[in-house]
Amino acid sequence: MRLSDAFAETLFRYRDVFKAIDIAELSGLTPNQISSFQRGGNLRSDSIDKILDALESFDPTAKTYMLSLVAKKVDVEEGKKPTLQPE
């Protein structure tokens, strides 16, 4: 999965914990940058690092969830926090 798709899915999954605007404020990125990335746009790697740090600040499992989606190693039951699948 692409990073931008994983980010969009993470925003959806954690919508009760934080919103895109919250990630923008905490990461120091503009709302337009966050929105563009959420829709498939590109970001520099340091900007993605800032997003990951912001996700982790809100909920440590959010960063793990996003990266797990990219790595395709996530197991999510409806209504539960994500857990990593064993290799």
N, C-alpha and C. Protein backbone atom coordinates (compact mmCIF):
# COMPACT_ATOMS: atom_id res chain seq x y z
N MET A 1 0.85 -1.17 0.00
CA MET A 1 0.00 0.00 0.00
C MET A 1 0.90 1.24 0.00
N ARG A 2 0.48 2.25 -0.73
CA ARG A 2 1.22 3.51 -0.77
C ARG A 2 1.12 4.24 0.56
N LEU A 3 2.14 5.02 0.89
CA LEU A 3 2.14 5.78 2.14
C LEU A 3 0.92 6.70 2.24
N SER A 4 0.57 7.36 1.15
CA SER A 4 -0.57 8.28 1.19
C SER A 4 -1.87 7.53 1.44
N ASP A 5 -2.03 6.36 0.85
CA ASP A 5 -3.23 5.55 1.09
C ASP A 5 -3.27 5.06 2.54
N ALA A 6 -2.12 4.66 3.05
CA ALA A 6 -2.04 4.21 4.44
C ALA A 6 -2.36 5.36 5.39
N PHE A 7 -1.92 6.56 5.06
CA PHE A 7 -2.23 7.73 5.88
C PHE A 7 -3.73 8.00 5.88
N ALA A 8 -4.35 7.96 4.71
CA ALA A 8 -5.79 8.19 4.62
C ALA A 8 -6.56 7.15 5.43
N GLU A 9 -6.15 5.90 5.34
CA GLU A 9 -6.80 4.83 6.10
C GLU A 9 -6.59 5.02 7.60
N THR A 10 -5.41 5.47 7.98
CA THR A 10 -5.13 5.71 9.40
C THR A 10 -6.00 6.85 9.93
N LEU A 11 -6.14 7.91 9.15
CA LEU A 11 -7.03 9.00 9.56
C LEU A 11 -8.46 8.49 9.75
N PHE A 12 -8.90 7.62 8.86
CA PHE A 12 -10.25 7.07 8.99
C PHE A 12 -10.36 6.18 10.23
N ARG A 13 -9.41 5.31 10.42
CA ARG A 13 -9.44 4.36 11.54
C ARG A 13 -9.41 5.07 12.90
N TYR A 14 -8.65 6.14 12.98
CA TYR A 14 -8.47 6.87 14.25
C TYR A 14 -9.25 8.18 14.27
N ARG A 15 -10.31 8.27 13.49
CA ARG A 15 -11.07 9.51 13.37
C ARG A 15 -11.65 10.01 14.69
N ASP A 16 -11.83 9.12 15.67
CA ASP A 16 -12.32 9.55 16.98
C ASP A 16 -11.20 10.06 17.88
N VAL A 17 -9.95 9.87 17.46
CA VAL A 17 -8.80 10.27 18.26
C VAL A 17 -8.21 11.59 17.75
N PHE A 18 -8.11 11.74 16.43
CA PHE A 18 -7.54 12.95 15.84
C PHE A 18 -8.10 13.14 14.44
N LYS A 19 -7.97 14.36 13.96
CA LYS A 19 -8.40 14.75 12.61
C LYS A 19 -7.16 15.19 11.82
N ALA A 20 -7.33 15.34 10.53
CA ALA A 20 -6.22 15.78 9.67
C ALA A 20 -5.67 17.13 10.13
N ILE A 21 -6.55 18.03 10.56
CA ILE A 21 -6.10 19.35 11.01
C ILE A 21 -5.22 19.23 12.26
N ASP A 22 -5.53 18.26 13.11
CA ASP A 22 -4.71 18.02 14.31
C ASP A 22 -3.30 17.58 13.91
N ILE A 23 -3.23 16.72 12.92
CA ILE A 23 -1.92 16.24 12.43
C ILE A 23 -1.15 17.40 11.82
N ALA A 24 -1.84 18.26 11.07
CA ALA A 24 -1.19 19.42 10.46
C ALA A 24 -0.60 20.32 11.54
N GLU A 25 -1.39 20.62 12.55
CA GLU A 25 -0.93 21.52 13.61
C GLU A 25 0.27 20.95 14.36
N LEU A 26 0.19 19.68 14.72
CA LEU A 26 1.26 19.07 15.51
C LEU A 26 2.53 18.84 14.68
N SER A 27 2.37 18.55 13.41
CA SER A 27 3.52 18.26 12.55
C SER A 27 4.20 19.51 12.01
N GLY A 28 3.49 20.63 12.05
CA GLY A 28 4.04 21.85 11.48
C GLY A 28 3.83 21.97 9.98
N LEU A 29 3.09 21.04 9.40
CA LEU A 29 2.76 21.09 7.99
C LEU A 29 1.47 21.89 7.81
N THR A 30 1.23 22.36 6.61
CA THR A 30 0.00 23.11 6.37
C THR A 30 -1.16 22.14 6.16
N PRO A 31 -2.38 22.60 6.43
CA PRO A 31 -3.54 21.75 6.14
C PRO A 31 -3.59 21.34 4.67
N ASN A 32 -3.15 22.22 3.77
CA ASN A 32 -3.13 21.87 2.35
C ASN A 32 -2.15 20.74 2.05
N GLN A 33 -1.00 20.74 2.70
CA GLN A 33 -0.03 19.65 2.51
C GLN A 33 -0.62 18.32 2.99
N ILE A 34 -1.26 18.36 4.15
CA ILE A 34 -1.87 17.15 4.70
C ILE A 34 -2.98 16.65 3.79
N SER A 35 -3.83 17.56 3.34
CA SER A 35 -4.94 17.19 2.46
C SER A 35 -4.44 16.61 1.14
N SER A 36 -3.44 17.24 0.58
CA SER A 36 -2.87 16.75 -0.68
C SER A 36 -2.29 15.35 -0.51
N PHE A 37 -1.55 15.13 0.57
CA PHE A 37 -0.97 13.81 0.83
C PHE A 37 -2.07 12.78 1.04
N GLN A 38 -3.10 13.16 1.76
CA GLN A 38 -4.23 12.25 2.02
C GLN A 38 -4.89 11.82 0.71
N ARG A 39 -4.87 12.69 -0.30
CA ARG A 39 -5.48 12.39 -1.59
C ARG A 39 -4.50 11.78 -2.59
N GLY A 40 -3.29 11.43 -2.13
CA GLY A 40 -2.35 10.75 -3.01
C GLY A 40 -1.17 11.59 -3.47
N GLY A 41 -1.09 12.81 -3.00
CA GLY A 41 0.02 13.68 -3.37
C GLY A 41 1.33 13.24 -2.72
N ASN A 42 2.39 13.83 -3.18
CA ASN A 42 3.72 13.48 -2.67
C ASN A 42 4.15 14.44 -1.57
N LEU A 43 4.96 13.94 -0.66
CA LEU A 43 5.60 14.74 0.37
C LEU A 43 7.06 14.34 0.47
N ARG A 44 7.87 15.26 0.94
CA ARG A 44 9.28 14.92 1.19
C ARG A 44 9.34 13.96 2.37
N SER A 45 10.42 13.21 2.42
CA SER A 45 10.56 12.21 3.49
C SER A 45 10.58 12.84 4.87
N ASP A 46 11.15 14.03 5.02
CA ASP A 46 11.15 14.67 6.34
C ASP A 46 9.75 15.09 6.76
N SER A 47 8.90 15.41 5.80
CA SER A 47 7.50 15.74 6.11
C SER A 47 6.74 14.50 6.54
N ILE A 48 7.02 13.38 5.91
CA ILE A 48 6.39 12.12 6.31
C ILE A 48 6.83 11.74 7.72
N ASP A 49 8.10 11.96 8.03
CA ASP A 49 8.58 11.72 9.40
C ASP A 49 7.82 12.57 10.41
N LYS A 50 7.54 13.82 10.06
CA LYS A 50 6.78 14.70 10.95
C LYS A 50 5.36 14.18 11.16
N ILE A 51 4.76 13.67 10.10
CA ILE A 51 3.42 13.08 10.22
C ILE A 51 3.45 11.87 11.13
N LEU A 52 4.43 11.00 10.93
CA LEU A 52 4.54 9.80 11.77
C LEU A 52 4.75 10.17 13.23
N ASP A 53 5.56 11.18 13.49
CA ASP A 53 5.76 11.63 14.87
C ASP A 53 4.46 12.17 15.47
N ALA A 54 3.70 12.91 14.67
CA ALA A 54 2.42 13.45 15.15
C ALA A 54 1.44 12.32 15.44
N LEU A 55 1.37 11.34 14.56
CA LEU A 55 0.49 10.19 14.80
C LEU A 55 0.84 9.52 16.12
N GLU A 56 2.13 9.31 16.33
CA GLU A 56 2.59 8.64 17.54
C GLU A 56 2.26 9.46 18.79
N SER A 57 2.29 10.78 18.67
CA SER A 57 1.96 11.64 19.81
C SER A 57 0.50 11.49 20.23
N PHE A 58 -0.38 11.32 19.25
CA PHE A 58 -1.80 11.14 19.56
C PHE A 58 -2.09 9.75 20.09
N ASP A 59 -1.50 8.75 19.46
CA ASP A 59 -1.73 7.36 19.86
C ASP A 59 -0.60 6.52 19.25
N PRO A 60 0.26 5.93 20.09
CA PRO A 60 1.39 5.16 19.56
C PRO A 60 0.98 4.07 18.57
N THR A 61 -0.21 3.53 18.71
CA THR A 61 -0.62 2.48 17.77
C THR A 61 -0.96 3.05 16.40
N ALA A 62 -1.21 4.35 16.30
CA ALA A 62 -1.55 4.95 15.00
C ALA A 62 -0.35 4.90 14.05
N LYS A 63 0.82 5.21 14.56
CA LYS A 63 2.03 5.13 13.73
C LYS A 63 2.28 3.69 13.31
N THR A 64 2.16 2.78 14.25
CA THR A 64 2.35 1.36 13.95
C THR A 64 1.34 0.89 12.92
N TYR A 65 0.10 1.33 13.07
CA TYR A 65 -0.96 0.94 12.13
C TYR A 65 -0.62 1.42 10.72
N MET A 66 -0.25 2.68 10.58
CA MET A 66 0.06 3.21 9.25
C MET A 66 1.22 2.46 8.61
N LEU A 67 2.29 2.28 9.36
CA LEU A 67 3.45 1.58 8.80
C LEU A 67 3.15 0.11 8.51
N SER A 68 2.30 -0.48 9.32
CA SER A 68 1.91 -1.87 9.09
C SER A 68 1.09 -2.02 7.82
N LEU A 69 0.26 -1.04 7.53
CA LEU A 69 -0.49 -1.07 6.28
C LEU A 69 0.45 -1.05 5.09
N VAL A 70 1.47 -0.23 5.18
CA VAL A 70 2.46 -0.16 4.10
C VAL A 70 3.18 -1.49 3.97
N ALA A 71 3.51 -2.09 5.10
CA ALA A 71 4.22 -3.38 5.10
C ALA A 71 3.28 -4.56 4.91
N LYS A 72 1.97 -4.30 4.95
CA LYS A 72 0.94 -5.34 4.79
C LYS A 72 1.04 -6.41 5.86
N LYS A 73 1.29 -5.99 7.09
CA LYS A 73 1.40 -6.94 8.20
C LYS A 73 0.50 -6.51 9.35
N VAL A 74 -0.72 -6.19 9.05
CA VAL A 74 -1.60 -5.71 10.10
C VAL A 74 -2.84 -6.60 10.20
N ASP A 75 -3.27 -6.81 11.42
CA ASP A 75 -4.48 -7.58 11.68
C ASP A 75 -5.39 -6.68 12.51
N VAL A 76 -6.54 -6.35 11.95
CA VAL A 76 -7.44 -5.44 12.64
C VAL A 76 -8.81 -6.06 12.74
N GLU A 77 -9.28 -6.18 13.97
CA GLU A 77 -10.65 -6.61 14.20
C GLU A 77 -11.49 -5.37 14.39
N GLU A 78 -12.71 -5.39 13.89
CA GLU A 78 -13.60 -4.24 14.00
C GLU A 78 -13.71 -3.79 15.44
N GLY A 79 -13.49 -2.50 15.65
CA GLY A 79 -13.64 -1.93 16.97
C GLY A 79 -12.47 -2.15 17.91
N LYS A 80 -11.40 -2.77 17.43
CA LYS A 80 -10.24 -3.04 18.28
C LYS A 80 -9.00 -2.35 17.73
N LYS A 81 -8.03 -2.18 18.58
CA LYS A 81 -6.75 -1.61 18.16
C LYS A 81 -6.03 -2.62 17.27
N PRO A 82 -5.22 -2.13 16.33
CA PRO A 82 -4.49 -3.05 15.45
C PRO A 82 -3.40 -3.80 16.19
N THR A 83 -3.14 -5.02 15.72
CA THR A 83 -2.03 -5.81 16.24
C THR A 83 -1.22 -6.31 15.05
N LEU A 84 0.07 -6.45 15.25
CA LEU A 84 0.92 -6.96 14.19
C LEU A 84 0.78 -8.46 14.07
N GLN A 85 0.79 -8.93 12.84
CA GLN A 85 0.76 -10.37 12.60
C GLN A 85 2.17 -10.91 12.76
N PRO A 86 2.31 -12.10 13.32
CA PRO A 86 3.65 -12.70 13.40
C PRO A 86 4.16 -13.05 12.02
N GLU A 87 5.47 -12.99 11.86
CA GLU A 87 6.05 -13.33 10.56
C GLU A 87 6.21 -14.82 10.41
